[in-house]
Amino acid sequence: MILEETTLINAPAERVFDFFRHMDEQRYLDWHPDHLLFRWVEGNALQEGSIGYFEERIYGKVNKKQVRYTKVEPNRTIEFVPTWWLYRLLLPGMRFVLEPQGNKATLLRQQVQVRVGPLGARLNRQEFDAVRQHMKEEGENLKKWAEQQ
């Protein structure tokens, strides 16, 4: 199952990617009011192999994730996976896909892959809806940032 939210941003892909490329704790905290912490654990830049740690509140719960960036294509794709193998069984990957819409706009796709069956999807529907809402708000906040730069 893939949880996905898309946001049309009236800014070039380079500017949207730049938001992620210069991610630091303050930018992460400003991105969404439920973001609590971000730091680089290994490396200090958005590149394949770097490890980041973040905390965010979703559905009233604090989620703590340490992730390894597995694919970084400037102005196109950012993919990352949890570093803990057991967590990866349920959450195999997350991604931001930037799809240029001409020279002046970008379609941002936020995707979270979740490994659950139909019963798990039904039992966790409210939590998954909260994740989608959080992703939607992140997209709207990133849109505001990118369009004001």
N, C-alpha and C. Protein backbone atom coordinates (compact mmCIF):
# COMPACT_ATOMS: atom_id res chain seq x y z
N MET A 1 0.85 -1.17 0.00
CA MET A 1 0.00 0.00 0.00
C MET A 1 0.90 1.24 0.00
N ILE A 2 0.55 2.19 -0.85
CA ILE A 2 1.30 3.43 -0.91
C ILE A 2 0.40 4.59 -0.51
N LEU A 3 0.83 5.32 0.51
CA LEU A 3 0.16 6.55 0.91
C LEU A 3 0.80 7.65 0.08
N GLU A 4 0.00 8.42 -0.62
CA GLU A 4 0.55 9.43 -1.53
C GLU A 4 -0.23 10.72 -1.44
N GLU A 5 0.51 11.81 -1.49
CA GLU A 5 -0.07 13.14 -1.58
C GLU A 5 0.69 13.89 -2.66
N THR A 6 -0.03 14.66 -3.46
CA THR A 6 0.61 15.46 -4.50
C THR A 6 0.27 16.93 -4.29
N THR A 7 1.24 17.78 -4.61
CA THR A 7 1.08 19.22 -4.47
C THR A 7 1.69 19.88 -5.69
N LEU A 8 0.92 20.75 -6.34
CA LEU A 8 1.45 21.53 -7.44
C LEU A 8 2.06 22.80 -6.88
N ILE A 9 3.34 22.98 -7.13
CA ILE A 9 4.08 24.12 -6.60
C ILE A 9 4.49 25.00 -7.77
N ASN A 10 4.15 26.27 -7.70
CA ASN A 10 4.49 27.22 -8.76
C ASN A 10 5.91 27.73 -8.56
N ALA A 11 6.85 26.82 -8.70
CA ALA A 11 8.27 27.11 -8.59
C ALA A 11 9.01 26.01 -9.31
N PRO A 12 10.20 26.30 -9.83
CA PRO A 12 10.96 25.27 -10.55
C PRO A 12 11.43 24.17 -9.60
N ALA A 13 11.67 23.00 -10.17
CA ALA A 13 12.10 21.84 -9.39
C ALA A 13 13.39 22.12 -8.62
N GLU A 14 14.27 22.94 -9.18
CA GLU A 14 15.52 23.27 -8.51
C GLU A 14 15.26 23.94 -7.16
N ARG A 15 14.28 24.80 -7.09
CA ARG A 15 13.96 25.51 -5.84
C ARG A 15 13.35 24.54 -4.83
N VAL A 16 12.48 23.65 -5.30
CA VAL A 16 11.87 22.68 -4.40
C VAL A 16 12.94 21.74 -3.85
N PHE A 17 13.81 21.25 -4.73
CA PHE A 17 14.89 20.37 -4.29
C PHE A 17 15.80 21.08 -3.30
N ASP A 18 16.03 22.36 -3.52
CA ASP A 18 16.89 23.15 -2.65
C ASP A 18 16.38 23.15 -1.21
N PHE A 19 15.06 23.11 -1.05
CA PHE A 19 14.47 23.04 0.29
C PHE A 19 15.02 21.82 1.03
N PHE A 20 15.02 20.67 0.35
CA PHE A 20 15.51 19.43 0.97
C PHE A 20 17.03 19.41 1.08
N ARG A 21 17.70 19.96 0.08
CA ARG A 21 19.17 19.94 0.05
C ARG A 21 19.75 20.71 1.24
N HIS A 22 19.05 21.72 1.68
CA HIS A 22 19.55 22.53 2.80
C HIS A 22 18.76 22.26 4.08
N MET A 23 18.30 21.03 4.19
CA MET A 23 17.54 20.67 5.39
C MET A 23 18.45 20.73 6.60
N ASP A 24 18.02 21.48 7.57
CA ASP A 24 18.66 21.50 8.87
C ASP A 24 17.53 21.46 9.89
N GLU A 25 17.88 21.46 11.14
CA GLU A 25 16.82 21.32 12.14
C GLU A 25 15.80 22.44 12.07
N GLN A 26 16.25 23.69 11.89
CA GLN A 26 15.29 24.80 11.88
C GLN A 26 14.36 24.72 10.68
N ARG A 27 14.90 24.41 9.51
CA ARG A 27 14.05 24.30 8.32
C ARG A 27 13.04 23.17 8.53
N TYR A 28 13.49 22.06 9.10
CA TYR A 28 12.58 20.94 9.37
C TYR A 28 11.48 21.36 10.34
N LEU A 29 11.85 22.08 11.39
CA LEU A 29 10.86 22.51 12.39
C LEU A 29 9.87 23.51 11.77
N ASP A 30 10.34 24.38 10.90
CA ASP A 30 9.47 25.36 10.25
C ASP A 30 8.53 24.73 9.22
N TRP A 31 8.90 23.56 8.72
CA TRP A 31 8.15 22.91 7.66
C TRP A 31 6.75 22.50 8.12
N HIS A 32 6.63 22.03 9.35
CA HIS A 32 5.33 21.57 9.87
C HIS A 32 5.33 21.73 11.39
N PRO A 33 4.22 22.21 11.97
CA PRO A 33 4.18 22.41 13.43
C PRO A 33 4.34 21.13 14.24
N ASP A 34 4.09 19.96 13.64
CA ASP A 34 4.25 18.70 14.36
C ASP A 34 5.63 18.08 14.18
N HIS A 35 6.54 18.80 13.52
CA HIS A 35 7.93 18.33 13.43
C HIS A 35 8.66 18.73 14.70
N LEU A 36 9.38 17.78 15.27
CA LEU A 36 10.00 17.99 16.57
C LEU A 36 11.52 18.06 16.55
N LEU A 37 12.16 17.31 15.64
CA LEU A 37 13.62 17.23 15.66
C LEU A 37 14.12 16.70 14.33
N PHE A 38 15.24 17.23 13.86
CA PHE A 38 15.94 16.66 12.71
C PHE A 38 17.43 16.87 12.92
N ARG A 39 18.20 15.85 12.58
CA ARG A 39 19.66 15.99 12.60
C ARG A 39 20.27 14.95 11.68
N TRP A 40 21.45 15.28 11.20
CA TRP A 40 22.21 14.32 10.42
C TRP A 40 22.96 13.43 11.39
N VAL A 41 22.93 12.12 11.15
CA VAL A 41 23.63 11.16 12.00
C VAL A 41 24.96 10.78 11.34
N GLU A 42 24.91 10.52 10.04
CA GLU A 42 26.11 10.25 9.25
C GLU A 42 26.04 11.12 8.01
N GLY A 43 27.12 11.80 7.74
CA GLY A 43 27.10 12.76 6.65
C GLY A 43 26.34 14.00 7.13
N ASN A 44 26.40 15.03 6.37
CA ASN A 44 25.66 16.24 6.74
C ASN A 44 25.06 16.88 5.51
N ALA A 45 24.75 16.04 4.55
CA ALA A 45 24.20 16.55 3.31
C ALA A 45 23.25 15.53 2.70
N LEU A 46 22.41 16.03 1.85
CA LEU A 46 21.46 15.18 1.15
C LEU A 46 22.20 14.47 0.03
N GLN A 47 22.65 13.25 0.34
CA GLN A 47 23.34 12.44 -0.66
C GLN A 47 23.13 10.97 -0.31
N GLU A 48 23.29 10.13 -1.31
CA GLU A 48 23.12 8.70 -1.09
C GLU A 48 24.09 8.23 -0.01
N GLY A 49 23.56 7.44 0.93
CA GLY A 49 24.37 6.92 2.02
C GLY A 49 24.28 7.73 3.30
N SER A 50 23.89 8.99 3.23
CA SER A 50 23.75 9.80 4.44
C SER A 50 22.62 9.24 5.30
N ILE A 51 22.73 9.45 6.60
CA ILE A 51 21.70 8.99 7.54
C ILE A 51 21.18 10.20 8.30
N GLY A 52 19.86 10.33 8.32
CA GLY A 52 19.21 11.39 9.05
C GLY A 52 18.30 10.81 10.12
N TYR A 53 18.06 11.59 11.15
CA TYR A 53 17.15 11.19 12.23
C TYR A 53 16.12 12.30 12.39
N PHE A 54 14.85 11.90 12.45
CA PHE A 54 13.82 12.91 12.69
C PHE A 54 12.73 12.37 13.59
N GLU A 55 12.07 13.32 14.22
CA GLU A 55 10.92 13.01 15.07
C GLU A 55 9.78 13.92 14.65
N GLU A 56 8.60 13.34 14.58
CA GLU A 56 7.40 14.10 14.24
C GLU A 56 6.21 13.49 14.96
N ARG A 57 5.22 14.31 15.21
CA ARG A 57 4.01 13.84 15.88
C ARG A 57 2.92 13.65 14.82
N ILE A 58 2.40 12.43 14.76
CA ILE A 58 1.29 12.12 13.86
C ILE A 58 0.29 11.27 14.63
N TYR A 59 -0.97 11.65 14.53
CA TYR A 59 -2.05 10.92 15.20
C TYR A 59 -1.81 10.86 16.71
N GLY A 60 -1.24 11.93 17.24
CA GLY A 60 -1.00 12.02 18.68
C GLY A 60 0.20 11.23 19.17
N LYS A 61 0.93 10.59 18.27
CA LYS A 61 2.08 9.77 18.66
C LYS A 61 3.36 10.38 18.09
N VAL A 62 4.41 10.31 18.88
CA VAL A 62 5.71 10.77 18.40
C VAL A 62 6.36 9.62 17.64
N ASN A 63 6.64 9.87 16.36
CA ASN A 63 7.31 8.89 15.51
C ASN A 63 8.78 9.28 15.41
N LYS A 64 9.65 8.33 15.71
CA LYS A 64 11.09 8.56 15.65
C LYS A 64 11.64 7.66 14.55
N LYS A 65 12.30 8.27 13.57
CA LYS A 65 12.82 7.49 12.46
C LYS A 65 14.26 7.88 12.15
N GLN A 66 15.08 6.87 12.02
CA GLN A 66 16.42 7.06 11.49
C GLN A 66 16.40 6.45 10.10
N VAL A 67 16.81 7.21 9.10
CA VAL A 67 16.69 6.77 7.71
C VAL A 67 18.00 6.93 6.96
N ARG A 68 18.19 6.03 6.00
CA ARG A 68 19.33 6.12 5.09
C ARG A 68 18.81 6.56 3.73
N TYR A 69 19.46 7.57 3.17
CA TYR A 69 19.09 8.05 1.84
C TYR A 69 19.67 7.09 0.80
N THR A 70 18.81 6.47 0.03
CA THR A 70 19.23 5.43 -0.90
C THR A 70 19.31 5.91 -2.35
N LYS A 71 18.59 6.97 -2.66
CA LYS A 71 18.61 7.50 -4.02
C LYS A 71 18.37 8.99 -3.96
N VAL A 72 19.31 9.74 -4.51
CA VAL A 72 19.16 11.20 -4.56
C VAL A 72 19.51 11.62 -5.99
N GLU A 73 18.51 12.00 -6.73
CA GLU A 73 18.69 12.54 -8.08
C GLU A 73 18.31 14.01 -8.00
N PRO A 74 19.30 14.91 -8.09
CA PRO A 74 18.99 16.34 -7.95
C PRO A 74 17.83 16.77 -8.84
N ASN A 75 16.91 17.51 -8.21
CA ASN A 75 15.74 18.09 -8.87
C ASN A 75 14.75 17.04 -9.36
N ARG A 76 14.88 15.79 -8.92
CA ARG A 76 14.00 14.71 -9.39
C ARG A 76 13.47 13.80 -8.28
N THR A 77 14.39 13.16 -7.53
CA THR A 77 13.96 12.10 -6.62
C THR A 77 14.80 12.07 -5.36
N ILE A 78 14.13 11.85 -4.23
CA ILE A 78 14.80 11.59 -2.96
C ILE A 78 14.12 10.37 -2.36
N GLU A 79 14.88 9.30 -2.16
CA GLU A 79 14.33 8.08 -1.57
C GLU A 79 15.12 7.74 -0.31
N PHE A 80 14.40 7.23 0.69
CA PHE A 80 15.07 6.85 1.93
C PHE A 80 14.32 5.71 2.58
N VAL A 81 15.05 4.95 3.41
CA VAL A 81 14.49 3.77 4.09
C VAL A 81 14.90 3.82 5.55
N PRO A 82 14.07 3.25 6.42
CA PRO A 82 14.48 3.15 7.83
C PRO A 82 15.76 2.32 7.94
N THR A 83 16.62 2.68 8.87
CA THR A 83 17.87 1.93 9.03
C THR A 83 17.64 0.63 9.80
N TRP A 84 16.63 0.59 10.62
CA TRP A 84 16.37 -0.62 11.41
C TRP A 84 15.60 -1.60 10.55
N TRP A 85 16.15 -2.80 10.36
CA TRP A 85 15.58 -3.80 9.45
C TRP A 85 14.16 -4.19 9.84
N LEU A 86 13.86 -4.26 11.12
CA LEU A 86 12.53 -4.67 11.54
C LEU A 86 11.49 -3.61 11.17
N TYR A 87 11.84 -2.36 11.33
CA TYR A 87 10.95 -1.26 10.95
C TYR A 87 10.72 -1.27 9.44
N ARG A 88 11.79 -1.63 8.69
CA ARG A 88 11.71 -1.67 7.24
C ARG A 88 10.73 -2.73 6.75
N LEU A 89 10.46 -3.75 7.54
CA LEU A 89 9.48 -4.77 7.15
C LEU A 89 8.09 -4.15 6.99
N LEU A 90 7.75 -3.21 7.85
CA LEU A 90 6.44 -2.55 7.79
C LEU A 90 6.45 -1.28 6.95
N LEU A 91 7.60 -0.63 6.88
CA LEU A 91 7.72 0.64 6.18
C LEU A 91 8.94 0.54 5.24
N PRO A 92 8.75 -0.12 4.08
CA PRO A 92 9.90 -0.39 3.21
C PRO A 92 10.55 0.83 2.58
N GLY A 93 9.83 1.95 2.48
CA GLY A 93 10.48 3.10 1.88
C GLY A 93 9.59 4.32 1.81
N MET A 94 10.26 5.45 1.66
CA MET A 94 9.59 6.74 1.51
C MET A 94 10.27 7.48 0.37
N ARG A 95 9.53 8.38 -0.28
CA ARG A 95 10.12 9.07 -1.42
C ARG A 95 9.44 10.39 -1.66
N PHE A 96 10.24 11.32 -2.18
CA PHE A 96 9.76 12.58 -2.73
C PHE A 96 10.12 12.55 -4.21
N VAL A 97 9.14 12.74 -5.06
CA VAL A 97 9.37 12.78 -6.49
C VAL A 97 8.98 14.18 -6.97
N LEU A 98 9.90 14.81 -7.69
CA LEU A 98 9.67 16.14 -8.25
C LEU A 98 9.47 15.99 -9.75
N GLU A 99 8.30 16.38 -10.22
CA GLU A 99 8.00 16.28 -11.65
C GLU A 99 7.84 17.69 -12.21
N PRO A 100 8.87 18.16 -12.95
CA PRO A 100 8.77 19.50 -13.52
C PRO A 100 7.56 19.63 -14.44
N GLN A 101 6.88 20.74 -14.32
CA GLN A 101 5.73 21.06 -15.16
C GLN A 101 6.12 22.31 -15.96
N GLY A 102 6.91 22.11 -17.01
CA GLY A 102 7.48 23.24 -17.70
C GLY A 102 8.64 23.79 -16.88
N ASN A 103 8.98 25.07 -17.06
CA ASN A 103 10.11 25.68 -16.35
C ASN A 103 9.71 26.31 -15.03
N LYS A 104 8.41 26.49 -14.80
CA LYS A 104 7.99 27.33 -13.68
C LYS A 104 7.16 26.64 -12.62
N ALA A 105 6.92 25.35 -12.76
CA ALA A 105 6.10 24.65 -11.77
C ALA A 105 6.62 23.23 -11.58
N THR A 106 6.30 22.67 -10.43
CA THR A 106 6.73 21.32 -10.07
C THR A 106 5.59 20.60 -9.38
N LEU A 107 5.36 19.37 -9.78
CA LEU A 107 4.42 18.52 -9.07
C LEU A 107 5.22 17.71 -8.08
N LEU A 108 4.94 17.91 -6.80
CA LEU A 108 5.62 17.17 -5.73
C LEU A 108 4.76 15.98 -5.35
N ARG A 109 5.34 14.80 -5.43
CA ARG A 109 4.68 13.58 -4.97
C ARG A 109 5.41 13.09 -3.72
N GLN A 110 4.66 12.99 -2.63
CA GLN A 110 5.19 12.41 -1.40
C GLN A 110 4.60 11.01 -1.30
N GLN A 111 5.45 10.02 -1.13
CA GLN A 111 4.98 8.64 -1.09
C GLN A 111 5.58 7.92 0.11
N VAL A 112 4.73 7.18 0.81
CA VAL A 112 5.15 6.34 1.92
C VAL A 112 4.63 4.95 1.63
N GLN A 113 5.55 4.01 1.49
CA GLN A 113 5.15 2.63 1.24
C GLN A 113 4.96 1.93 2.58
N VAL A 114 3.79 1.34 2.76
CA VAL A 114 3.45 0.64 4.00
C VAL A 114 3.08 -0.79 3.64
N ARG A 115 3.63 -1.74 4.35
CA ARG A 115 3.35 -3.15 4.07
C ARG A 115 2.30 -3.64 5.07
N VAL A 116 1.04 -3.61 4.64
CA VAL A 116 -0.08 -4.13 5.44
C VAL A 116 -1.07 -4.79 4.49
N GLY A 117 -1.79 -5.73 5.00
CA GLY A 117 -2.85 -6.35 4.22
C GLY A 117 -4.14 -5.58 4.38
N PRO A 118 -5.21 -6.08 3.77
CA PRO A 118 -6.50 -5.37 3.85
C PRO A 118 -7.00 -5.18 5.28
N LEU A 119 -6.81 -6.18 6.12
CA LEU A 119 -7.28 -6.06 7.51
C LEU A 119 -6.46 -4.99 8.24
N GLY A 120 -5.14 -4.99 8.05
CA GLY A 120 -4.29 -3.99 8.68
C GLY A 120 -4.64 -2.59 8.19
N ALA A 121 -4.94 -2.46 6.89
CA ALA A 121 -5.32 -1.16 6.34
C ALA A 121 -6.62 -0.67 6.99
N ARG A 122 -7.56 -1.57 7.17
CA ARG A 122 -8.84 -1.20 7.78
C ARG A 122 -8.67 -0.85 9.25
N LEU A 123 -7.90 -1.65 9.97
CA LEU A 123 -7.71 -1.41 11.41
C LEU A 123 -6.93 -0.12 11.68
N ASN A 124 -6.08 0.26 10.74
CA ASN A 124 -5.25 1.45 10.93
C ASN A 124 -5.70 2.62 10.06
N ARG A 125 -6.92 2.58 9.59
CA ARG A 125 -7.42 3.60 8.66
C ARG A 125 -7.27 5.02 9.21
N GLN A 126 -7.65 5.23 10.45
CA GLN A 126 -7.56 6.58 11.02
C GLN A 126 -6.11 7.06 11.10
N GLU A 127 -5.21 6.16 11.46
CA GLU A 127 -3.80 6.53 11.53
C GLU A 127 -3.25 6.85 10.13
N PHE A 128 -3.64 6.05 9.13
CA PHE A 128 -3.19 6.32 7.76
C PHE A 128 -3.79 7.61 7.24
N ASP A 129 -5.03 7.90 7.61
CA ASP A 129 -5.63 9.18 7.22
C ASP A 129 -4.87 10.35 7.85
N ALA A 130 -4.41 10.17 9.09
CA ALA A 130 -3.63 11.21 9.76
C ALA A 130 -2.28 11.41 9.06
N VAL A 131 -1.68 10.32 8.59
CA VAL A 131 -0.42 10.43 7.85
C VAL A 131 -0.66 11.21 6.55
N ARG A 132 -1.73 10.87 5.84
CA ARG A 132 -2.05 11.59 4.59
C ARG A 132 -2.27 13.08 4.87
N GLN A 133 -2.98 13.40 5.93
CA GLN A 133 -3.23 14.80 6.29
C GLN A 133 -1.92 15.51 6.60
N HIS A 134 -1.04 14.85 7.32
CA HIS A 134 0.26 15.42 7.65
C HIS A 134 1.04 15.69 6.36
N MET A 135 1.03 14.73 5.45
CA MET A 135 1.73 14.89 4.17
C MET A 135 1.13 16.04 3.36
N LYS A 136 -0.19 16.15 3.39
CA LYS A 136 -0.86 17.25 2.67
C LYS A 136 -0.41 18.60 3.22
N GLU A 137 -0.36 18.71 4.54
CA GLU A 137 0.07 19.95 5.18
C GLU A 137 1.54 20.25 4.88
N GLU A 138 2.38 19.22 4.86
CA GLU A 138 3.78 19.42 4.48
C GLU A 138 3.87 19.97 3.06
N GLY A 139 3.08 19.39 2.15
CA GLY A 139 3.08 19.86 0.77
C GLY A 139 2.65 21.31 0.67
N GLU A 140 1.60 21.68 1.40
CA GLU A 140 1.11 23.07 1.38
C GLU A 140 2.16 24.03 1.95
N ASN A 141 2.83 23.62 3.02
CA ASN A 141 3.85 24.47 3.64
C ASN A 141 5.08 24.61 2.74
N LEU A 142 5.46 23.52 2.09
CA LEU A 142 6.58 23.59 1.16
C LEU A 142 6.23 24.47 -0.04
N LYS A 143 5.00 24.38 -0.49
CA LYS A 143 4.51 25.23 -1.59
C LYS A 143 4.66 26.71 -1.22
N LYS A 144 4.19 27.07 -0.02
CA LYS A 144 4.31 28.47 0.42
C LYS A 144 5.77 28.91 0.45
N TRP A 145 6.64 28.06 1.00
CA TRP A 145 8.05 28.41 1.08
C TRP A 145 8.64 28.62 -0.32
N ALA A 146 8.44 27.65 -1.20
CA ALA A 146 9.06 27.69 -2.53
C ALA A 146 8.53 28.86 -3.37
N GLU A 147 7.26 29.16 -3.24
CA GLU A 147 6.67 30.23 -4.05
C GLU A 147 7.06 31.61 -3.54
N GLN A 148 7.55 31.71 -2.30
CA GLN A 148 7.97 33.00 -1.75
C GLN A 148 9.45 33.28 -1.93
N GLN A 149 10.20 32.29 -2.37
CA GLN A 149 11.66 32.47 -2.53
C GLN A 149 11.99 33.23 -3.78
